[in-house]
Amino acid sequence: MEEEGNVPLPAVQTGNAVTRRYTENLSGARKAAILCASLDGDAISEVFRYLEEDEVQIISRELASLQQIPSQVANGILEEFDQLLTARNFAITGGMDYAKKLITKAYGPETARRLLDRITRSLESTVGFEALQKIDPQQLSKLFQNEHPQTIALVLAHLEPPTAAATLRCLPEAQRADIALRMASLQSISQDVIRQISVVLDHKLKAIGNDNRQAVGGVRPVAEICNRLERDIAQKMLEEIEAGNPDLALAIRNLMMTFDDLLLLDDMGIRELLQRIDKKVLALALKGTAEELQNRFFKNMSSRAVEMMKEEMDFMGQVKLKDVTAAQREIVDIMRELDDQGVISLNGGGDGEDGYVS
């Protein structure tokens, strides 16, 4: 008998009764993941476009954890979706590579990388921390009152950025920068320690004799949390981190915006950006990007300017990935500067007092 996650896989047998008995014990997310693994990648990528980001994450997490699924089991799941699958004597293979391929097609490389980072951290973390996602941030902050900052940093590193940001906002101002600094500096923590903290938050962080270690925290989660904090809170926290560790503060700032964040700008914001970007730099930055991202610029340019931009991109031919990345970073730096000045906003639109100003 094989095992797939915590669910035992029966030996391959014939008959619908066997598959029905097995599929009844599977969660909806697990069934969806097995269904994804049996369909064409382009079709699943299109489905992902209509799902919320957290739904994609849940299904992709299950998909990434798949090993081999007997074709009889897959048939039983497809029957539940009223899509009969011709019986075949082979196993459907999932895995992280397949999940990465699907998500990249649906969301583009930058967003896919962020999603896959979360999925990987979620796969590696223990179940105990998942329960904390449902606790009110104010109540969660009270649980931390007598805890060591390192313990708080470890717990927040395992939470989704929106929950971690809301909880951090409820903590005393004097603690915020220290906790963020500790989160960014986390590298590997004993799984036994993590398990203890997830069950009993009043246990102090201590080393456990276990060589099995997992990566948590780091610069990226802190950057994602800062993106969700009010600007003045995030800025003050980063200034305090910068005073103690300038390189770490710079690394956090560099990750607080990505090129895909341009999709958050409205047309006026894009036009403000276009006025300050060298057109050759923009042409290089747009090489190989998703059509949706390219169109965000093209729709705010004259037809002649779009034609010239496309000609410039074609004329470049093949370019080095590092050059494209450098061009995108230059534009992101300009975007961050304009956002800091209040000229543009990445908060989701240009209505009301949060709109753009010229």
Protein backbone atom coordinates (compact mmCIF):
# COMPACT_ATOMS: atom_id res chain seq x y z
CA MET A 1 0.00 0.00 0.00
CA GLU A 2 1.31 3.45 -0.95
CA GLU A 3 0.82 6.67 0.96
CA GLU A 4 0.13 10.09 -0.50
CA GLY A 5 0.42 12.71 2.21
CA ASN A 6 -1.67 11.50 5.12
CA VAL A 7 -4.12 9.63 2.92
CA PRO A 8 -3.33 5.97 2.21
CA LEU A 9 -3.48 5.01 -1.43
CA PRO A 10 -5.03 1.58 -2.06
CA ALA A 11 -3.43 -0.94 -4.34
CA VAL A 12 -4.62 -0.56 -7.93
CA GLN A 13 -7.93 -2.37 -8.33
CA THR A 14 -10.76 -2.29 -10.81
CA GLY A 15 -14.30 -1.17 -10.24
CA ASN A 16 -15.91 2.20 -9.55
CA ALA A 17 -16.82 1.26 -5.96
CA VAL A 18 -13.14 1.22 -5.02
CA THR A 19 -12.45 4.67 -6.47
CA ARG A 20 -15.62 6.12 -4.93
CA ARG A 21 -14.65 4.85 -1.50
CA TYR A 22 -11.21 6.40 -1.87
CA THR A 23 -12.28 9.77 -3.30
CA GLU A 24 -14.88 10.25 -0.55
CA ASN A 25 -11.97 10.66 1.90
CA LEU A 26 -10.22 13.35 -0.13
CA SER A 27 -10.66 17.06 0.51
CA GLY A 28 -12.02 19.32 -2.21
CA ALA A 29 -8.61 20.96 -2.62
CA ARG A 30 -6.95 17.55 -3.05
CA LYS A 31 -9.48 16.52 -5.67
CA ALA A 32 -9.00 19.81 -7.51
CA ALA A 33 -5.23 19.30 -7.51
CA ILE A 34 -5.52 15.78 -8.94
CA LEU A 35 -7.92 17.11 -11.56
CA CYS A 36 -5.39 19.81 -12.47
CA ALA A 37 -2.67 17.21 -12.86
CA SER A 38 -4.79 15.32 -15.39
CA LEU A 39 -5.59 18.31 -17.62
CA ASP A 40 -3.62 20.36 -20.10
CA GLY A 41 -1.52 23.09 -18.51
CA ASP A 42 -2.99 25.86 -20.69
CA ALA A 43 -6.52 24.91 -19.64
CA ILE A 44 -5.66 24.95 -15.93
CA SER A 45 -3.81 28.25 -16.27
CA GLU A 46 -6.98 29.75 -17.73
CA VAL A 47 -9.02 28.39 -14.82
CA PHE A 48 -6.52 29.88 -12.35
CA ARG A 49 -7.21 33.34 -13.78
CA TYR A 50 -10.75 33.17 -12.37
CA LEU A 51 -9.70 32.07 -8.88
CA GLU A 52 -8.69 34.20 -5.93
CA GLU A 53 -4.98 34.21 -5.14
CA ASP A 54 -5.50 32.25 -1.90
CA GLU A 55 -7.50 29.61 -3.79
CA VAL A 56 -4.69 29.24 -6.31
CA GLN A 57 -2.25 28.90 -3.44
CA ILE A 58 -4.30 26.17 -1.72
CA ILE A 59 -4.76 24.12 -4.89
CA SER A 60 -1.15 24.64 -5.97
CA ARG A 61 0.08 23.56 -2.57
CA GLU A 62 -1.81 20.30 -2.95
CA LEU A 63 -0.64 19.96 -6.54
CA ALA A 64 2.99 20.48 -5.55
CA SER A 65 2.75 17.75 -2.90
CA LEU A 66 1.39 15.12 -5.30
CA GLN A 67 3.66 12.22 -6.05
CA GLN A 68 1.89 9.56 -8.12
CA ILE A 69 -1.85 9.05 -8.35
CA PRO A 70 -3.19 5.76 -9.76
CA SER A 71 -5.20 6.35 -12.89
CA GLN A 72 -8.22 4.63 -11.28
CA VAL A 73 -8.26 7.25 -8.53
CA ALA A 74 -7.97 10.06 -11.07
CA ASN A 75 -10.88 8.56 -13.00
CA GLY A 76 -13.04 8.56 -9.89
CA ILE A 77 -12.36 12.26 -9.33
CA LEU A 78 -13.02 13.13 -12.95
CA GLU A 79 -16.34 11.30 -12.73
CA GLU A 80 -17.30 13.60 -9.86
CA PHE A 81 -16.77 16.53 -12.23
CA ASP A 82 -18.86 14.75 -14.86
CA GLN A 83 -15.84 14.52 -17.14
CA LEU A 84 -15.16 10.88 -17.89
CA LEU A 85 -11.53 9.92 -18.33
CA THR A 86 -10.75 6.89 -20.48
CA ALA A 87 -9.29 4.21 -18.25
CA ARG A 88 -5.53 4.13 -18.67
CA ASN A 89 -2.98 2.08 -16.80
CA PHE A 90 -0.60 4.85 -15.83
CA ALA A 91 -0.11 7.31 -13.00
CA ILE A 92 -0.55 11.07 -13.24
CA THR A 93 2.47 12.92 -11.96
CA GLY A 94 2.27 16.27 -10.18
CA GLY A 95 5.10 17.92 -8.28
CA MET A 96 6.51 21.41 -7.70
CA ASP A 97 7.84 21.73 -11.27
CA TYR A 98 4.34 21.17 -12.66
CA ALA A 99 2.82 23.62 -10.18
CA LYS A 100 5.44 26.21 -11.14
CA LYS A 101 4.66 25.76 -14.84
CA LEU A 102 0.91 26.27 -14.30
CA ILE A 103 1.22 29.29 -12.03
CA THR A 104 3.79 30.99 -14.27
CA LYS A 105 1.48 30.64 -17.27
CA ALA A 106 -1.44 32.08 -15.32
CA TYR A 107 0.25 34.94 -13.47
CA GLY A 108 3.66 35.64 -15.02
CA PRO A 109 7.09 34.98 -13.48
CA GLU A 110 7.12 37.64 -10.73
CA THR A 111 3.72 36.84 -9.20
CA ALA A 112 4.35 33.11 -9.69
CA ARG A 113 7.62 33.40 -7.76
CA ARG A 114 5.85 35.06 -4.83
CA LEU A 115 3.09 32.45 -4.83
CA LEU A 116 5.56 29.57 -5.04
CA ASP A 117 7.58 31.06 -2.18
CA ARG A 118 4.46 31.03 -0.03
CA ILE A 119 3.54 27.51 -1.15
CA THR A 120 7.02 26.24 -0.33
CA ARG A 121 6.98 27.87 3.10
CA SER A 122 3.49 26.49 3.69
CA LEU A 123 4.54 22.97 2.71
CA GLU A 124 7.53 23.16 5.02
CA SER A 125 5.72 24.69 8.00
CA THR A 126 3.71 22.83 10.61
CA VAL A 127 -0.06 22.71 10.81
CA GLY A 128 -0.12 24.50 14.17
CA PHE A 129 0.67 27.90 12.70
CA GLU A 130 -2.21 27.62 10.22
CA ALA A 131 -4.67 27.90 13.13
CA LEU A 132 -3.17 31.30 14.02
CA GLN A 133 -4.36 32.65 10.67
CA LYS A 134 -7.92 32.58 12.04
CA ILE A 135 -7.14 34.51 15.23
CA ASP A 136 -7.94 38.22 15.36
CA PRO A 137 -4.64 40.15 15.04
CA GLN A 138 -5.44 42.15 18.18
CA GLN A 139 -5.91 38.94 20.16
CA LEU A 140 -2.83 37.42 18.61
CA SER A 141 -0.75 40.42 19.62
CA LYS A 142 -1.92 39.96 23.22
CA LEU A 143 -0.59 36.38 23.15
CA PHE A 144 2.81 37.85 22.39
CA GLN A 145 2.91 40.21 25.36
CA ASN A 146 5.36 38.15 27.42
CA GLU A 147 7.14 36.48 24.52
CA HIS A 148 10.70 36.98 23.39
CA PRO A 149 10.97 39.06 20.17
CA GLN A 150 12.66 36.11 18.46
CA THR A 151 9.64 33.93 19.21
CA ILE A 152 7.29 36.59 17.84
CA ALA A 153 9.46 36.93 14.70
CA LEU A 154 9.38 33.19 14.14
CA VAL A 155 5.60 33.01 14.41
CA LEU A 156 5.01 36.03 12.14
CA ALA A 157 7.38 34.54 9.54
CA HIS A 158 5.00 31.57 9.24
CA LEU A 159 1.86 33.68 8.79
CA GLU A 160 0.54 35.12 5.55
CA PRO A 161 1.81 38.70 5.01
CA PRO A 162 -1.64 40.35 5.50
CA THR A 163 -2.10 38.60 8.87
CA ALA A 164 1.49 39.26 9.92
CA ALA A 165 1.20 42.93 8.96
CA ALA A 166 -2.05 43.37 10.89
CA THR A 167 -0.54 41.69 13.94
CA LEU A 168 2.66 43.73 13.74
CA ARG A 169 0.56 46.88 13.61
CA CYS A 170 -1.01 45.90 16.96
CA LEU A 171 2.34 45.43 18.69
CA PRO A 172 4.09 48.24 20.59
CA GLU A 173 5.85 50.64 18.23
CA ALA A 174 9.15 50.14 20.06
CA GLN A 175 9.10 46.41 19.17
CA ARG A 176 8.17 46.58 15.49
CA ALA A 177 11.57 47.31 13.94
CA ASP A 178 13.34 44.79 16.20
CA ILE A 179 10.87 42.04 15.28
CA ALA A 180 11.07 42.87 11.55
CA LEU A 181 14.86 42.81 11.76
CA ARG A 182 14.76 39.41 13.43
CA MET A 183 12.36 38.09 10.79
CA ALA A 184 14.62 39.25 7.99
CA SER A 185 17.59 37.62 9.67
CA LEU A 186 15.96 34.22 10.27
CA GLN A 187 17.57 31.40 8.33
CA SER A 188 16.91 27.92 9.72
CA ILE A 189 15.04 26.84 12.84
CA SER A 190 14.68 23.39 14.37
CA GLN A 191 11.35 21.84 13.41
CA ASP A 192 10.96 20.63 16.99
CA VAL A 193 11.18 24.22 18.21
CA ILE A 194 8.65 25.32 15.59
CA ARG A 195 6.28 22.53 16.64
CA GLN A 196 6.50 23.55 20.30
CA ILE A 197 5.86 27.21 19.59
CA SER A 198 2.93 26.44 17.31
CA VAL A 199 1.22 24.50 20.12
CA VAL A 200 2.24 26.58 23.15
CA LEU A 201 3.15 30.21 22.44
CA ASP A 202 4.53 30.78 25.92
CA HIS A 203 7.41 28.34 25.34
CA LYS A 204 10.69 30.16 24.85
CA LEU A 205 12.68 29.62 21.68
CA LYS A 206 15.44 27.09 22.35
CA ALA A 207 17.63 24.77 20.34
CA ILE A 208 16.40 21.21 19.95
CA GLY A 209 18.74 18.39 18.96
CA ASN A 210 17.35 17.92 15.51
CA ASP A 211 19.34 18.22 12.35
CA ASN A 212 16.17 18.46 10.29
CA ARG A 213 15.92 22.18 9.62
CA GLN A 214 13.66 24.35 7.51
CA ALA A 215 14.05 27.83 6.06
CA VAL A 216 11.77 30.52 7.48
CA GLY A 217 11.62 34.28 7.55
CA GLY A 218 14.11 36.17 5.45
CA VAL A 219 13.98 39.48 3.64
CA ARG A 220 11.05 38.76 1.31
CA PRO A 221 8.35 38.19 3.97
CA VAL A 222 9.41 41.42 5.71
CA ALA A 223 9.16 43.29 2.38
CA GLU A 224 5.68 41.88 1.76
CA ILE A 225 4.60 42.89 5.26
CA CYS A 226 5.98 46.41 4.77
CA ASN A 227 3.98 46.70 1.55
CA ARG A 228 0.81 46.14 3.58
CA LEU A 229 1.59 48.50 6.45
CA GLU A 230 0.70 52.20 6.44
CA ARG A 231 3.49 54.14 4.79
CA ASP A 232 4.54 56.05 7.92
CA ILE A 233 4.71 52.86 10.03
CA ALA A 234 6.70 50.98 7.39
CA GLN A 235 9.01 53.95 6.77
CA LYS A 236 9.79 54.42 10.47
CA MET A 237 10.44 50.71 10.89
CA LEU A 238 12.79 50.65 7.89
CA GLU A 239 14.65 53.71 9.14
CA GLU A 240 15.31 51.95 12.45
CA ILE A 241 16.47 48.80 10.66
CA GLU A 242 18.67 50.93 8.39
CA ALA A 243 20.33 52.53 11.40
CA GLY A 244 21.48 49.11 12.60
CA ASN A 245 21.89 47.27 9.29
CA PRO A 246 21.87 49.45 6.12
CA ASP A 247 22.43 46.52 3.75
CA LEU A 248 19.49 44.59 5.15
CA ALA A 249 17.24 47.65 4.95
CA LEU A 250 18.24 48.15 1.30
CA ALA A 251 17.49 44.49 0.53
CA ILE A 252 14.03 44.88 2.05
CA ARG A 253 13.36 48.09 0.10
CA ASN A 254 14.46 46.44 -3.16
CA LEU A 255 11.86 43.70 -2.67
CA MET A 256 9.00 45.93 -1.62
CA MET A 257 8.08 46.54 -5.24
CA THR A 258 8.39 44.38 -8.34
CA PHE A 259 7.91 45.13 -12.01
CA ASP A 260 4.55 43.36 -11.94
CA ASP A 261 3.36 45.96 -9.42
CA LEU A 262 2.94 48.28 -12.43
CA LEU A 263 -0.38 46.50 -12.94
CA LEU A 264 -1.59 48.23 -9.75
CA LEU A 265 -1.25 51.67 -11.35
CA ASP A 266 -4.17 53.30 -13.15
CA ASP A 267 -3.74 55.04 -16.52
CA MET A 268 -2.75 58.39 -14.99
CA GLY A 269 -0.06 56.67 -12.95
CA ILE A 270 1.29 54.91 -16.02
CA ARG A 271 1.43 58.20 -17.91
CA GLU A 272 3.31 59.86 -15.03
CA LEU A 273 5.79 57.02 -15.16
CA LEU A 274 6.17 57.22 -18.95
CA GLN A 275 7.24 60.85 -18.69
CA ARG A 276 10.25 59.85 -16.57
CA ILE A 277 11.37 56.60 -18.23
CA ASP A 278 13.94 56.38 -21.00
CA LYS A 279 12.13 54.69 -23.88
CA LYS A 280 15.04 52.36 -24.66
CA VAL A 281 15.09 51.25 -21.02
CA LEU A 282 11.34 50.61 -21.20
CA ALA A 283 11.72 48.60 -24.43
CA LEU A 284 14.37 46.43 -22.77
CA ALA A 285 12.30 46.03 -19.58
CA LEU A 286 9.25 44.87 -21.56
CA LYS A 287 11.15 42.13 -23.42
CA GLY A 288 9.63 38.77 -22.57
CA THR A 289 6.98 40.19 -20.22
CA ALA A 290 3.32 39.23 -20.25
CA GLU A 291 1.11 40.83 -22.88
CA GLU A 292 -1.11 42.28 -20.14
CA LEU A 293 1.83 44.21 -18.72
CA GLN A 294 2.96 45.48 -22.13
CA ASN A 295 -0.57 46.65 -22.92
CA ARG A 296 -0.69 48.69 -19.71
CA PHE A 297 1.94 50.91 -21.32
CA PHE A 298 0.79 50.68 -24.93
CA LYS A 299 -2.76 51.84 -24.15
CA ASN A 300 -1.32 55.04 -22.68
CA MET A 301 0.91 55.79 -25.67
CA SER A 302 0.11 57.15 -29.12
CA SER A 303 -0.20 54.64 -31.93
CA ARG A 304 3.02 55.97 -33.43
CA ALA A 305 4.86 55.67 -30.13
CA VAL A 306 3.61 52.08 -29.72
CA GLU A 307 4.79 51.24 -33.22
CA MET A 308 8.23 52.67 -32.52
CA MET A 309 8.42 50.84 -29.19
CA LYS A 310 7.58 47.50 -30.80
CA GLU A 311 10.15 48.15 -33.52
CA GLU A 312 12.76 48.90 -30.86
CA MET A 313 11.93 45.67 -29.03
CA ASP A 314 12.14 43.65 -32.25
CA PHE A 315 15.41 45.33 -33.22
CA MET A 316 17.00 44.26 -29.93
CA GLY A 317 16.60 40.59 -30.77
CA GLN A 318 17.73 38.27 -27.99
CA VAL A 319 18.85 40.07 -24.84
CA LYS A 320 20.44 38.87 -21.62
CA LEU A 321 18.09 38.22 -18.75
CA LYS A 322 20.32 40.22 -16.39
CA ASP A 323 19.97 43.26 -18.68
CA VAL A 324 16.18 42.96 -18.67
CA THR A 325 16.21 42.63 -14.89
CA ALA A 326 18.42 45.71 -14.55
CA ALA A 327 16.07 47.74 -16.78
CA GLN A 328 13.04 46.61 -14.80
CA ARG A 329 14.79 47.50 -11.54
CA GLU A 330 15.54 51.00 -12.89
CA ILE A 331 11.84 51.51 -13.64
CA VAL A 332 10.82 50.07 -10.26
CA ASP A 333 13.20 52.54 -8.57
CA ILE A 334 11.49 55.42 -10.39
CA MET A 335 8.08 54.02 -9.48
CA ARG A 336 9.07 53.75 -5.82
CA GLU A 337 10.38 57.34 -5.85
CA LEU A 338 7.14 58.64 -7.35
CA ASP A 339 5.13 56.64 -4.85
CA ASP A 340 7.17 58.09 -1.96
CA GLN A 341 6.52 61.60 -3.33
CA GLY A 342 2.79 60.92 -3.55
CA VAL A 343 2.77 61.50 -7.32
CA ILE A 344 1.46 57.98 -7.92
CA SER A 345 -0.18 55.41 -5.65
CA LEU A 346 -0.01 51.63 -5.58
CA ASN A 347 -3.04 51.33 -3.31
CA GLY A 348 -5.41 50.32 -6.04
CA GLY A 349 -6.71 53.27 -7.96
CA GLY A 350 -6.97 56.98 -8.41
CA ASP A 351 -10.30 57.86 -6.84
CA GLY A 352 -10.78 60.29 -3.99
CA GLU A 353 -8.01 61.76 -1.85
CA ASP A 354 -5.72 58.80 -2.59
CA GLY A 355 -5.75 59.56 -6.31
CA TYR A 356 -2.87 60.77 -8.40
CA VAL A 357 -1.70 64.36 -8.55
CA SER A 358 0.21 66.07 -11.32
